[in-house]
C-alpha cells in the first residue's frame, strides 16, 4: 500500500497508524519553496487527516 502517492499517505494516516499522533512539520516555509505545488497537496492531505481523526494533530513549526 506504500504507493508513493497521496492516496497511500491518506491510507497510512487514517487507517494504519494508531493514535494519538502529533506530526510536527518544521520549517514549512522552506518546504514550500523546495516542494513547489506539491507542498499544498501534501498539506491538504495532512489537514484532512486531522479533520478525519480526533487523535491526529498537525503542527507547523516555523
Protein backbone atom coordinates (compact mmCIF):
# COMPACT_ATOMS: atom_id res chain seq x y z
CA UNK A 1 0.00 0.00 0.00
CA UNK A 2 3.00 2.31 0.01
CA UNK A 3 2.17 3.52 -3.45
CA UNK A 4 4.31 6.64 -3.20
CA UNK A 5 1.32 8.89 -3.71
CA UNK A 6 -1.03 11.00 -1.64
CA UNK A 7 -3.70 8.30 -1.55
CA UNK A 8 -1.20 5.99 0.13
CA UNK A 9 -0.30 8.74 2.61
CA UNK A 10 -4.00 9.20 3.40
CA UNK A 11 -4.44 5.47 3.96
CA UNK A 12 -1.49 5.32 6.34
CA UNK A 13 -2.55 8.38 8.31
CA UNK A 14 -6.21 7.48 8.65
CA UNK A 15 -6.16 3.70 8.95
CA UNK A 16 -2.75 2.18 9.55
CA UNK A 17 -1.25 4.17 12.44
CA UNK A 18 -2.57 4.01 15.97
CA UNK A 19 -3.05 7.30 17.74
CA UNK A 20 -2.59 9.63 19.29
CA UNK A 21 -0.44 11.21 16.60
CA UNK A 22 1.22 14.60 16.61
CA UNK A 23 3.00 15.41 13.37
CA UNK A 24 5.36 18.39 13.62
CA UNK A 25 6.42 19.89 10.30
CA UNK A 26 9.45 22.07 10.96
CA UNK A 27 10.32 24.95 8.64
CA UNK A 28 7.22 24.70 6.45
CA UNK A 29 8.17 27.87 4.56
CA UNK A 30 11.40 26.22 3.48
CA UNK A 31 9.49 23.10 2.49
CA UNK A 32 7.07 25.18 0.43
CA UNK A 33 9.96 26.65 -1.56
CA UNK A 34 11.56 23.25 -2.15
CA UNK A 35 8.37 21.32 -2.89
CA UNK A 36 6.53 23.86 -5.01
CA UNK A 37 2.89 22.94 -5.68
CA UNK A 38 3.34 19.56 -4.00
CA UNK A 39 3.58 21.33 -0.65
CA UNK A 40 -0.06 22.44 -0.80
CA UNK A 41 -1.18 18.98 -1.90
CA UNK A 42 0.60 17.26 0.99
CA UNK A 43 -0.59 19.88 3.45
CA UNK A 44 -4.18 19.39 2.30
CA UNK A 45 -3.93 15.63 2.94
CA UNK A 46 -2.49 16.26 6.40
CA UNK A 47 -5.21 18.78 7.27
CA UNK A 48 -7.92 16.44 6.01
CA UNK A 49 -6.46 13.64 8.14
CA UNK A 50 -6.54 15.97 11.13
CA UNK A 51 -10.25 16.58 10.48
CA UNK A 52 -10.93 12.87 9.99
CA UNK A 53 -9.19 11.74 13.19
CA UNK A 54 -9.78 13.18 16.61
CA UNK A 55 -6.43 11.80 17.76
CA UNK A 56 -4.32 13.34 14.97
CA UNK A 57 -2.73 16.75 15.36
CA UNK A 58 -0.70 18.63 12.76
CA UNK A 59 1.63 21.36 13.93
CA UNK A 60 3.52 23.64 11.56
CA UNK A 61 6.56 24.93 13.39
CA UNK A 62 8.44 27.91 11.98
